[in-house]
Structures are given as C-alpha cells and as structure tokens.
C-alpha cells in the first residue's frame, strides 16, 4: 500500500509513518476467528443445555465481547500516525498511544541512524525508559536530539525525552526539511563569546 509521505497544509508539512498492517491484519483475523469460534461452540449451550450451561455460555460471551471491544479499541487507536513540521514546532502523533510537541528551537541535531538490532525498533512504540522514544513501523530511523528534555507521558511512567527516533516513510526528505527549519530557528552565537 502506497502512502503519500508528505503534504503541505498551510505552513505545516506532514510526514506519515508506515502502515501497521503487520499487526492490524492478524488482529482483525483473530477477532473474526474468535467470534466465529465462540458462536459455534456456545450455540449448543443455549439451545439444548441445562441452566448451568446457560450461565457458563453467558460468561463465555461476556469474555468474548470484552476481548472484541479491546481489539476494536486497539485497532481504531492504530489508525493515525504522522509527524507535522510547522513554523515553530514538530508535532508527533503516533497512533493513539503517544504524542509530543517539540519546539524547533530546541533541536540540536537531526541525523539518520541504523541502530542494532534493527528488528527491535520496527514494532511500533519503544523506549529505553530513560531519555529515548522510538516510533516506527519499519524503514529508516531519524534521530532528533533535543537541547532540553521534554517530559512526556508514556504509560505507565513519565519520561524526560532527549532523543526521538522516528521512522517516517520519506526519512531523507523529513530529516533535510527538519534540519533546514530547525537551523533557521537556532540561537545565533554571540561573536564576542569566541
């Protein structure tokens, strides 16, 4: 599936993360399979079972409905993932699980990286629980190093983020654009300080 990697909306440029089809498709198949299996296995308890069988079947349906509701919530939460570069800040929305707003003036460095092992950073949202958050569903990672940490919530804790690893589709274009915009806002060094 081809995704338009960027588009201009006013002064905001949007870059998309890869689609999480590797997770969403099996989740949908599992949800449909569980519903079909539960309906086929619980049907006899309702039509020819004892009152105890009926109670067990109702409990089984309750568990099934809770599973299906949780699966739908996760599936819906995984629909939106993008990074917006505006005039003054970078806004990252990674599905329904992580958001951060980074002032462009706080960006010290932007570079493309290939951390190892590479498979570890291709499965959605990950962190080292100290200073780094990685958002990726595959592709080249771009590291954004910040001058001052931004405290953000990554359930169940708060993390002072100093480095962001973002795996957007057009990593080269994203890194170049972010470097251009961030360098324009970087504080100018005082020549007398040298």
Protein backbone atom coordinates (compact mmCIF):
# COMPACT_ATOMS: atom_id res chain seq x y z
CA UNK A 1 0.00 0.00 0.00
CA UNK A 2 1.47 3.33 -1.01
CA UNK A 3 1.05 6.24 1.35
CA UNK A 4 1.60 9.85 0.35
CA UNK A 5 4.57 10.64 2.57
CA UNK A 6 4.07 14.37 2.88
CA UNK A 7 1.67 17.12 2.05
CA UNK A 8 1.61 20.82 2.63
CA UNK A 9 -1.30 22.18 4.67
CA UNK A 10 -0.75 25.91 5.10
CA UNK A 11 2.63 26.25 6.78
CA UNK A 12 2.58 22.68 8.15
CA UNK A 13 4.29 19.83 6.37
CA UNK A 14 3.05 16.34 7.26
CA UNK A 15 5.07 13.11 7.10
CA UNK A 16 3.43 9.74 7.66
CA UNK A 17 4.70 6.63 9.39
CA UNK A 18 4.38 3.29 7.64
CA UNK A 19 1.07 1.48 7.99
CA UNK A 20 0.93 -1.13 10.76
CA UNK A 21 -0.66 -3.77 8.53
CA UNK A 22 1.68 -6.39 10.01
CA UNK A 23 -0.27 -6.02 13.27
CA UNK A 24 -3.70 -4.81 12.20
CA UNK A 25 -4.42 -7.59 9.68
CA UNK A 26 -3.69 -10.51 12.08
CA UNK A 27 -5.65 -8.70 14.81
CA UNK A 28 -8.71 -8.45 12.57
CA UNK A 29 -8.37 -12.11 11.57
CA UNK A 30 -8.06 -13.12 15.23
CA UNK A 31 -11.14 -11.10 16.18
CA UNK A 32 -13.28 -12.58 13.40
CA UNK A 33 -11.98 -16.10 14.15
CA UNK A 34 -12.69 -15.77 17.88
CA UNK A 35 -16.22 -14.50 17.23
CA UNK A 36 -16.97 -17.36 14.82
CA UNK A 37 -15.45 -19.99 17.14
CA UNK A 38 -17.36 -18.65 20.16
CA UNK A 39 -20.66 -18.55 18.28
CA UNK A 40 -20.23 -22.12 17.05
CA UNK A 41 -19.07 -23.51 20.39
CA UNK A 42 -21.59 -21.67 22.59
CA UNK A 43 -24.65 -22.23 20.40
CA UNK A 44 -25.41 -25.76 21.75
CA UNK A 45 -25.35 -24.48 25.35
CA UNK A 46 -28.15 -22.03 24.57
CA UNK A 47 -30.45 -24.39 22.63
CA UNK A 48 -30.13 -27.71 24.46
CA UNK A 49 -28.18 -27.07 27.66
CA UNK A 50 -29.03 -27.01 31.34
CA UNK A 51 -29.38 -23.77 33.31
CA UNK A 52 -25.73 -24.18 34.40
CA UNK A 53 -24.70 -24.46 30.73
CA UNK A 54 -26.63 -21.26 30.00
CA UNK A 55 -24.78 -19.39 32.79
CA UNK A 56 -21.40 -20.63 31.55
CA UNK A 57 -22.31 -19.64 28.00
CA UNK A 58 -23.31 -16.14 29.12
CA UNK A 59 -19.98 -15.80 30.98
CA UNK A 60 -18.15 -17.01 27.84
CA UNK A 61 -19.99 -14.46 25.69
CA UNK A 62 -19.13 -11.71 28.18
CA UNK A 63 -15.42 -12.59 27.96
CA UNK A 64 -15.65 -12.73 24.16
CA UNK A 65 -17.35 -9.34 23.96
CA UNK A 66 -14.70 -7.81 26.25
CA UNK A 67 -11.95 -9.25 24.00
CA UNK A 68 -13.65 -7.93 20.86
CA UNK A 69 -14.14 -4.48 22.43
CA UNK A 70 -10.45 -4.29 23.42
CA UNK A 71 -9.40 -5.43 19.94
CA UNK A 72 -11.59 -2.76 18.32
CA UNK A 73 -10.15 -0.06 20.59
CA UNK A 74 -6.57 -1.06 19.71
CA UNK A 75 -7.45 -1.29 16.01
CA UNK A 76 -9.05 2.17 16.00
CA UNK A 77 -6.17 3.70 18.01
CA UNK A 78 -3.67 2.50 15.38
CA UNK A 79 -5.16 4.46 12.51
CA UNK A 80 -3.36 7.80 12.75
CA UNK A 81 0.41 8.25 12.84
CA UNK A 82 2.20 11.30 11.49
CA UNK A 83 4.77 13.99 12.23
CA UNK A 84 3.91 17.61 11.42
CA UNK A 85 6.67 20.18 10.94
CA UNK A 86 5.27 23.68 11.45
CA UNK A 87 6.90 27.08 11.71
CA UNK A 88 7.86 26.73 15.36
CA UNK A 89 7.40 23.11 16.44
CA UNK A 90 7.37 19.46 15.50
CA UNK A 91 4.19 17.63 16.50
CA UNK A 92 4.34 13.83 16.60
CA UNK A 93 1.19 11.72 16.88
CA UNK A 94 1.97 8.01 16.89
CA UNK A 95 -1.35 6.22 16.78
CA UNK A 96 -3.45 6.77 19.90
CA UNK A 97 -0.60 5.90 22.21
CA UNK A 98 2.00 8.70 22.04
CA UNK A 99 2.08 12.42 21.32
CA UNK A 100 4.80 15.02 21.78
CA UNK A 101 5.28 18.65 20.74
CA UNK A 102 8.92 19.63 20.20
CA UNK A 103 9.90 23.31 19.81
CA UNK A 104 12.11 23.52 16.71
CA UNK A 105 14.46 25.90 18.53
CA UNK A 106 15.30 23.05 20.98
CA UNK A 107 16.51 20.69 18.25
CA UNK A 108 20.30 20.31 18.44
CA UNK A 109 20.87 17.62 15.83
CA UNK A 110 18.97 15.60 13.21
CA UNK A 111 20.58 12.53 11.65
CA UNK A 112 19.62 9.24 10.06
CA UNK A 113 20.61 6.23 12.16
CA UNK A 114 20.59 2.45 11.93
CA UNK A 115 20.51 1.08 15.48
CA UNK A 116 21.05 -2.60 16.15
CA UNK A 117 19.38 -4.96 16.30
CA UNK A 118 17.18 -3.33 13.67
CA UNK A 119 14.13 -5.59 14.25
CA UNK A 120 13.83 -4.23 17.79
CA UNK A 121 12.82 -0.75 16.63
CA UNK A 122 10.36 -1.76 13.88
CA UNK A 123 7.42 -2.91 16.00
CA UNK A 124 5.64 0.31 16.94
CA UNK A 125 6.47 2.27 20.06
CA UNK A 126 9.57 1.51 22.14
CA UNK A 127 11.67 3.27 24.76
CA UNK A 128 14.72 2.82 26.96
CA UNK A 129 12.72 4.38 29.86
CA UNK A 130 15.46 6.99 30.42
CA UNK A 131 15.65 9.51 27.60
CA UNK A 132 14.65 7.97 24.25
CA UNK A 133 11.37 7.14 22.50
CA UNK A 134 11.27 5.33 19.15
CA UNK A 135 8.19 5.42 16.88
CA UNK A 136 8.41 3.19 13.82
CA UNK A 137 6.71 0.51 11.76
CA UNK A 138 9.80 -0.04 9.62
CA UNK A 139 12.09 1.94 7.38
CA UNK A 140 14.96 4.31 8.05
CA UNK A 141 15.05 5.93 11.50
CA UNK A 142 15.74 9.64 12.02
CA UNK A 143 17.19 10.63 15.38
CA UNK A 144 16.25 14.03 16.77
CA UNK A 145 18.43 15.20 19.66
CA UNK A 146 17.00 17.89 21.93
CA UNK A 147 18.83 20.60 23.88
CA UNK A 148 16.40 20.43 26.81
CA UNK A 149 14.40 17.34 27.72
CA UNK A 150 10.64 17.31 27.18
CA UNK A 151 8.72 15.45 29.86
CA UNK A 152 6.01 13.31 28.30
CA UNK A 153 3.77 10.52 29.45
CA UNK A 154 4.42 7.05 28.13
CA UNK A 155 2.20 4.80 30.16
CA UNK A 156 2.80 3.87 32.93
CA UNK A 157 5.55 6.43 33.51
CA UNK A 158 6.77 9.88 32.61
CA UNK A 159 9.94 10.17 30.57
CA UNK A 160 12.22 13.18 30.05
CA UNK A 161 12.78 12.73 26.31
CA UNK A 162 16.13 13.95 24.95
CA UNK A 163 16.17 11.78 21.80
CA UNK A 164 13.35 10.85 19.43
CA UNK A 165 13.74 8.11 16.84
CA UNK A 166 11.11 8.48 14.12
CA UNK A 167 10.64 6.03 11.24
CA UNK A 168 8.68 8.10 8.71
CA UNK A 169 8.23 6.90 5.13
CA UNK A 170 10.32 9.66 3.48
CA UNK A 171 13.14 9.75 6.06
CA UNK A 172 15.64 11.63 3.83
CA UNK A 173 13.22 14.40 2.96
CA UNK A 174 11.95 14.61 6.57
CA UNK A 175 15.48 14.91 8.01
CA UNK A 176 16.54 17.54 5.45
CA UNK A 177 13.39 19.61 5.97
CA UNK A 178 13.69 19.40 9.77
CA UNK A 179 17.37 20.42 9.63
CA UNK A 180 16.51 23.43 7.44
CA UNK A 181 13.68 24.65 9.64
CA UNK A 182 15.49 23.97 12.95
CA UNK A 183 18.70 25.69 11.83
CA UNK A 184 16.70 28.78 10.89
CA UNK A 185 15.42 28.99 14.50
CA UNK A 186 18.70 28.06 16.20
CA UNK A 187 20.06 30.73 18.52
CA UNK A 188 22.80 32.80 16.89
CA UNK A 189 26.12 32.59 18.74
CA UNK A 190 27.49 35.84 20.11
CA UNK A 191 30.77 36.60 18.20
CA UNK A 192 32.21 38.27 21.33
CA UNK A 193 31.93 34.93 23.23
CA UNK A 194 34.53 33.30 20.95
